[in-house]
Amino acid sequence: MATQQTAWPPLPLEDWVDTKRTLHRYCQVVGKIRMALVPFHNHWWHVTLQVDTRGVTTGPMPVGDGRTVEITFDFVDHRLVICASDGSSQSFRLAHGLACSAFYAQLFATLHSVGVNVDIHPAPFDLDGPLLSQDHRHDTYDANAVTRFWHVLSSSGHVLGEFAGWFNGKQSPVQLFWHSFDLALARFSGRRAPTQADMDRVTAEAYSHEVIAFGFWPGDDKKPYPAFYSYTAPPPDGLTSEPLRPRGAWWDTAARTAYLRYDDVCNSDAPHDRLLAFLTSAYEAGARLAGWDIDGFATSAAPGR
């Protein structure tokens, strides 16, 4: 039976930072395969991964011969599983010492064994280091830490999913972005955002419309702790002066992003309610100042309806 400790386990970045760096690169390899196989979807939603009942998965991807293939990180048995719609299936073990380069080679060999051939650009996205196919350094895999990370993604995803049910406008799935390694949900006003000449192609597509985003990331060198976040793009004037809930949430005024430390959620008596309070207050702040139709976007499931 799941308990609060298993659903919201501790996840200090310093305890698994090397594993996180390795797993992030594994996910970039798999995510690049999904990007190569799945037809384009607005805001790059076709490239993302999904949290499932055993780990993280690509979902079914068309391979051009009438079949689909799915790649799943099984964080229960700690295996990478490749299944094709013709019934063929292969897997290999995820373990300490499996360098990113070895993961890359074994994954593509396994795909070939089930009749799937795909090419990707092996450079890591926004990460330091060599090509993913040549990265022999990142080889740390702490299975216990990975399982805890998956439980955090799963529990966070359940709350984000409930929160999504309160909004009837255009919004994204709850999805794991492998380039930035964050679990995210985005709500849209329906209005196009102002264009900026200096935006690259990826950013321009991601922020082509007014958006309020929410999510979880496990921490990085700049913010060395796991946290929930929300930002409004484009950010309206006065955003970082708006109140946030619960106590402990704050605005990073430079980034114009709201934060709530994961520890403030997992160590509370009511993690679910605490996270929902944060998401709601951040949404209300951005939507109100940006002139969104808050009442019109609310579903009958939203609080107070």
Protein backbone atom coordinates (compact mmCIF):
# COMPACT_ATOMS: atom_id res chain seq x y z
CA MET A 1 0.00 0.00 0.00
CA ALA A 2 1.30 3.44 -0.90
CA THR A 3 2.06 5.77 2.01
CA GLN A 4 2.92 9.44 2.11
CA GLN A 5 6.57 8.43 2.51
CA THR A 6 6.52 6.35 -0.69
CA ALA A 7 4.28 8.76 -2.61
CA TRP A 8 6.26 11.86 -1.60
CA PRO A 9 9.73 10.52 -0.70
CA PRO A 10 12.72 12.71 0.12
CA LEU A 11 14.74 13.63 -2.98
CA PRO A 12 17.67 15.89 -2.03
CA LEU A 13 19.63 16.68 -5.17
CA GLU A 14 23.00 16.12 -3.53
CA ASP A 15 22.08 12.50 -2.77
CA TRP A 16 21.63 11.53 -6.42
CA VAL A 17 23.07 14.31 -8.57
CA ASP A 18 25.37 12.00 -10.54
CA THR A 19 22.52 9.54 -11.15
CA LYS A 20 20.27 12.42 -12.22
CA ARG A 21 22.85 13.58 -14.75
CA THR A 22 23.14 10.07 -16.19
CA LEU A 23 19.38 9.48 -16.27
CA HIS A 24 18.83 12.88 -17.90
CA ARG A 25 21.12 11.83 -20.74
CA TYR A 26 19.43 8.44 -21.09
CA CYS A 27 16.12 10.28 -21.41
CA GLN A 28 17.53 12.64 -24.02
CA VAL A 29 18.53 9.65 -26.18
CA VAL A 30 15.03 8.17 -25.93
CA GLY A 31 13.37 11.55 -26.37
CA LYS A 32 15.34 12.23 -29.53
CA ILE A 33 14.09 8.91 -30.93
CA ARG A 34 10.52 9.99 -30.20
CA MET A 35 11.17 13.35 -31.85
CA ALA A 36 12.44 11.54 -34.96
CA LEU A 37 9.49 9.14 -35.22
CA VAL A 38 6.39 11.04 -34.08
CA PRO A 39 4.70 13.65 -36.34
CA PHE A 40 4.98 17.26 -35.25
CA HIS A 41 2.54 18.63 -32.69
CA ASN A 42 2.13 22.22 -31.57
CA HIS A 43 4.49 23.54 -28.87
CA TRP A 44 6.73 20.45 -29.35
CA TRP A 45 4.29 18.21 -27.47
CA HIS A 46 5.17 15.35 -29.83
CA VAL A 47 8.66 15.02 -28.33
CA THR A 48 7.77 14.59 -24.66
CA LEU A 49 7.72 11.51 -22.43
CA GLN A 50 4.91 10.31 -20.17
CA VAL A 51 4.93 8.98 -16.62
CA ASP A 52 3.23 5.57 -16.39
CA THR A 53 2.57 2.83 -13.84
CA ARG A 54 6.13 1.47 -13.97
CA GLY A 55 8.25 4.45 -14.93
CA VAL A 56 8.50 6.73 -17.95
CA THR A 57 7.49 5.90 -21.51
CA THR A 58 7.43 7.28 -25.04
CA GLY A 59 3.99 5.83 -25.72
CA PRO A 60 3.44 4.23 -29.15
CA MET A 61 5.53 5.69 -31.97
CA PRO A 62 4.93 4.95 -35.68
CA VAL A 63 7.89 3.33 -37.44
CA GLY A 64 6.71 3.61 -41.06
CA ASP A 65 5.88 -0.04 -41.81
CA GLY A 66 2.43 -0.14 -40.24
CA ARG A 67 3.80 -0.96 -36.80
CA THR A 68 4.36 1.13 -33.69
CA VAL A 69 7.12 0.81 -31.11
CA GLU A 70 7.22 1.93 -27.49
CA ILE A 71 10.28 2.51 -25.31
CA THR A 72 9.71 2.38 -21.56
CA PHE A 73 11.99 3.04 -18.62
CA ASP A 74 10.81 0.41 -16.13
CA PHE A 75 11.79 1.88 -12.77
CA VAL A 76 10.35 -1.10 -10.87
CA ASP A 77 12.65 -3.75 -12.37
CA HIS A 78 15.13 -1.16 -13.68
CA ARG A 79 15.14 -2.21 -17.28
CA LEU A 80 14.69 -0.42 -20.58
CA VAL A 81 11.88 -2.18 -22.44
CA ILE A 82 11.26 -1.95 -26.19
CA CYS A 83 7.92 -3.33 -27.41
CA ALA A 84 6.61 -3.38 -30.99
CA SER A 85 2.98 -3.74 -32.04
CA ASP A 86 3.75 -7.03 -33.82
CA GLY A 87 4.39 -8.62 -30.42
CA SER A 88 8.19 -8.48 -30.47
CA SER A 89 9.81 -7.28 -27.27
CA GLN A 90 13.34 -6.85 -25.95
CA SER A 91 14.84 -5.27 -22.86
CA PHE A 92 18.13 -4.64 -21.12
CA ARG A 93 19.16 -3.83 -17.57
CA LEU A 94 19.65 -0.32 -16.20
CA ALA A 95 22.44 -0.47 -13.64
CA HIS A 96 25.38 1.38 -12.16
CA GLY A 97 28.27 1.40 -14.61
CA LEU A 98 26.13 1.64 -17.75
CA ALA A 99 27.68 4.69 -19.40
CA CYS A 100 25.54 6.88 -21.62
CA SER A 101 27.54 5.72 -24.64
CA ALA A 102 26.85 2.06 -23.78
CA PHE A 103 23.17 2.84 -23.19
CA TYR A 104 23.06 4.53 -26.60
CA ALA A 105 24.70 1.59 -28.38
CA GLN A 106 22.58 -1.03 -26.64
CA LEU A 107 19.34 0.84 -27.27
CA PHE A 108 19.96 1.21 -31.00
CA ALA A 109 21.10 -2.41 -31.28
CA THR A 110 17.91 -3.50 -29.49
CA LEU A 111 15.74 -1.36 -31.76
CA HIS A 112 17.46 -2.91 -34.77
CA SER A 113 16.73 -6.39 -33.39
CA VAL A 114 12.98 -5.64 -33.50
CA GLY A 115 13.24 -4.16 -37.00
CA VAL A 116 13.29 -0.47 -36.13
CA ASN A 117 15.89 1.79 -37.72
CA VAL A 118 16.04 5.45 -36.78
CA ASP A 119 18.68 8.19 -36.82
CA ILE A 120 19.03 10.98 -34.26
CA HIS A 121 21.36 13.91 -33.71
CA PRO A 122 23.54 12.64 -30.83
CA ALA A 123 24.52 16.02 -29.36
CA PRO A 124 23.04 16.58 -25.87
CA PHE A 125 20.51 19.40 -25.69
CA ASP A 126 21.57 22.21 -23.33
CA LEU A 127 23.91 19.89 -21.40
CA ASP A 128 27.67 20.02 -21.12
CA GLY A 129 29.68 17.07 -22.36
CA PRO A 130 30.44 14.99 -25.42
CA LEU A 131 28.01 13.48 -27.88
CA LEU A 132 25.56 11.13 -26.19
CA SER A 133 26.95 8.30 -28.29
CA GLN A 134 30.46 9.03 -27.01
CA ASP A 135 29.75 9.93 -23.38
CA HIS A 136 31.69 7.39 -21.30
CA ARG A 137 31.73 9.55 -18.16
CA HIS A 138 28.08 9.57 -17.08
CA ASP A 139 27.55 6.02 -15.76
CA THR A 140 26.08 6.41 -12.25
CA TYR A 141 22.76 4.69 -11.58
CA ASP A 142 21.35 4.52 -8.04
CA ALA A 143 18.21 2.41 -8.47
CA ASN A 144 16.70 3.53 -5.17
CA ALA A 145 17.07 7.20 -6.05
CA VAL A 146 15.59 6.63 -9.52
CA THR A 147 12.57 4.89 -7.98
CA ARG A 148 12.06 7.78 -5.57
CA PHE A 149 12.28 10.25 -8.46
CA TRP A 150 9.64 8.27 -10.35
CA HIS A 151 7.34 8.30 -7.29
CA VAL A 152 7.72 12.08 -7.10
CA LEU A 153 6.88 12.41 -10.79
CA SER A 154 3.88 10.15 -10.36
CA SER A 155 2.49 11.94 -7.30
CA SER A 156 3.15 15.36 -8.81
CA GLY A 157 1.51 14.24 -12.04
CA HIS A 158 -1.64 13.16 -10.20
CA VAL A 159 -1.98 16.62 -8.61
CA LEU A 160 -1.23 18.40 -11.88
CA GLY A 161 -3.83 16.19 -13.56
CA GLU A 162 -6.46 17.13 -10.99
CA PHE A 163 -5.54 20.79 -11.40
CA ALA A 164 -5.88 20.42 -15.18
CA GLY A 165 -9.47 19.29 -14.67
CA TRP A 166 -10.36 22.71 -13.32
CA PHE A 167 -9.60 24.44 -16.65
CA ASN A 168 -11.64 24.11 -19.85
CA GLY A 169 -9.36 26.01 -22.24
CA LYS A 170 -6.49 24.73 -24.34
CA GLN A 171 -3.89 23.04 -22.20
CA SER A 172 -1.06 20.55 -22.58
CA PRO A 173 -0.90 17.00 -21.29
CA VAL A 174 1.06 16.50 -18.09
CA GLN A 175 4.37 15.56 -19.69
CA LEU A 176 8.08 15.14 -19.04
CA PHE A 177 10.27 17.40 -21.13
CA TRP A 178 13.50 15.49 -21.61
CA HIS A 179 15.56 18.50 -22.68
CA SER A 180 15.02 20.33 -19.38
CA PHE A 181 14.04 17.25 -17.33
CA ASP A 182 10.91 18.78 -15.83
CA LEU A 183 7.35 17.50 -15.51
CA ALA A 184 5.07 20.21 -16.83
CA LEU A 185 1.51 21.35 -17.52
CA ALA A 186 0.65 24.45 -19.55
CA ARG A 187 -2.57 26.46 -19.80
CA PHE A 188 -3.24 28.86 -22.69
CA SER A 189 -5.42 31.94 -23.02
CA GLY A 190 -6.05 31.32 -26.73
CA ARG A 191 -4.34 34.57 -27.74
CA ARG A 192 -1.12 34.68 -29.72
CA ALA A 193 1.92 36.06 -27.91
CA PRO A 194 3.96 38.95 -29.31
CA THR A 195 6.77 37.75 -31.55
CA GLN A 196 10.39 38.40 -30.64
CA ALA A 197 12.98 38.59 -33.37
CA ASP A 198 15.75 37.06 -31.27
CA MET A 199 13.83 33.85 -30.42
CA ASP A 200 15.20 30.58 -31.77
CA ARG A 201 12.86 28.22 -33.62
CA VAL A 202 12.25 25.94 -30.64
CA THR A 203 11.45 28.79 -28.23
CA ALA A 204 9.28 30.60 -30.77
CA GLU A 205 7.06 27.55 -31.21
CA ALA A 206 6.91 26.81 -27.49
CA TYR A 207 5.82 30.37 -26.65
CA SER A 208 3.79 31.26 -29.72
CA HIS A 209 0.69 31.80 -27.53
CA GLU A 210 0.09 33.28 -24.09
CA VAL A 211 0.78 30.58 -21.53
CA ILE A 212 0.91 29.92 -17.81
CA ALA A 213 3.13 26.93 -17.09
CA PHE A 214 3.45 24.78 -13.98
CA GLY A 215 5.76 21.95 -13.13
CA PHE A 216 8.34 20.11 -11.09
CA TRP A 217 12.05 19.73 -11.62
CA PRO A 218 14.59 17.87 -9.49
CA GLY A 219 17.08 20.75 -9.25
CA ASP A 220 20.18 21.85 -11.08
CA ASP A 221 23.42 23.72 -10.52
CA LYS A 222 21.63 27.08 -10.31
CA LYS A 223 18.89 25.90 -7.95
CA PRO A 224 20.34 22.84 -6.16
CA TYR A 225 17.07 21.55 -4.73
CA PRO A 226 13.87 20.03 -6.14
CA ALA A 227 11.02 22.50 -6.54
CA PHE A 228 7.67 23.21 -8.08
CA TYR A 229 7.44 26.26 -10.32
CA SER A 230 5.07 28.44 -12.32
CA TYR A 231 5.61 31.25 -14.77
CA THR A 232 3.44 33.37 -17.06
CA ALA A 233 4.67 34.18 -20.57
CA PRO A 234 4.75 36.92 -21.55
CA PRO A 235 5.00 38.04 -17.90
CA PRO A 236 2.55 40.84 -17.06
CA ASP A 237 3.65 43.90 -15.12
CA GLY A 238 3.43 43.47 -11.37
CA LEU A 239 3.46 39.67 -11.45
CA THR A 240 6.13 39.18 -8.79
CA SER A 241 4.27 41.41 -6.34
CA GLU A 242 1.25 39.11 -6.29
CA PRO A 243 0.64 36.94 -3.19
CA LEU A 244 1.39 33.23 -3.34
CA ARG A 245 0.17 30.30 -1.28
CA PRO A 246 1.12 28.38 0.79
CA ARG A 247 3.51 30.07 3.15
CA GLY A 248 7.03 29.40 1.92
CA ALA A 249 6.29 29.94 -1.76
CA TRP A 250 8.16 32.86 -3.33
CA TRP A 251 8.86 34.77 -6.51
CA ASP A 252 12.27 34.80 -8.15
CA THR A 253 12.04 38.39 -9.34
CA ALA A 254 14.83 38.07 -11.91
CA ALA A 255 13.28 35.00 -13.57
CA ARG A 256 9.70 36.20 -12.80
CA THR A 257 8.94 32.64 -11.73
CA ALA A 258 7.11 31.34 -8.66
CA TYR A 259 8.70 28.56 -6.64
CA LEU A 260 7.78 26.17 -3.86
CA ARG A 261 10.43 23.81 -2.57
CA TYR A 262 9.58 20.15 -2.89
CA ASP A 263 10.63 19.66 0.75
CA ASP A 264 7.86 22.06 1.82
CA VAL A 265 5.38 19.73 0.13
CA CYS A 266 6.70 16.29 1.04
CA ASN A 267 7.30 17.22 4.70
CA SER A 268 3.82 18.67 5.21
CA ASP A 269 0.79 16.87 6.63
CA ALA A 270 -1.13 17.45 3.37
CA PRO A 271 1.21 17.45 0.34
CA HIS A 272 -1.66 17.23 -2.14
CA ASP A 273 -3.47 20.28 -0.73
CA ARG A 274 -0.27 22.27 -0.32
CA LEU A 275 0.73 21.76 -3.94
CA LEU A 276 -2.76 22.59 -5.22
CA ALA A 277 -2.70 25.83 -3.22
CA PHE A 278 0.56 26.81 -4.90
CA LEU A 279 -0.64 25.97 -8.40
CA THR A 280 -3.91 27.83 -7.88
CA SER A 281 -2.33 30.99 -6.46
CA ALA A 282 0.29 31.15 -9.22
CA TYR A 283 -2.37 30.69 -11.90
CA GLU A 284 -4.64 33.32 -10.39
CA ALA A 285 -1.78 35.81 -10.19
CA GLY A 286 -0.75 35.40 -13.82
CA ALA A 287 -4.24 35.06 -15.28
CA ARG A 288 -5.64 38.07 -13.46
CA LEU A 289 -2.82 40.41 -14.44
CA ALA A 290 -2.70 39.12 -18.02
CA GLY A 291 -6.45 39.63 -18.47
CA TRP A 292 -7.53 36.02 -18.87
CA ASP A 293 -11.21 35.08 -18.54
CA ILE A 294 -10.74 33.23 -15.24
CA ASP A 295 -14.44 32.57 -14.67
CA GLY A 296 -15.00 31.50 -18.27
CA PHE A 297 -12.11 29.03 -18.14
CA ALA A 298 -13.26 27.41 -14.88
CA THR A 299 -14.94 24.00 -15.10
CA SER A 300 -17.64 22.69 -12.76
CA ALA A 301 -14.91 20.70 -10.97
CA ALA A 302 -13.01 23.85 -9.96
CA PRO A 303 -13.20 24.81 -6.27
CA GLY A 304 -16.19 27.00 -5.50
CA ARG A 305 -18.14 25.88 -8.57
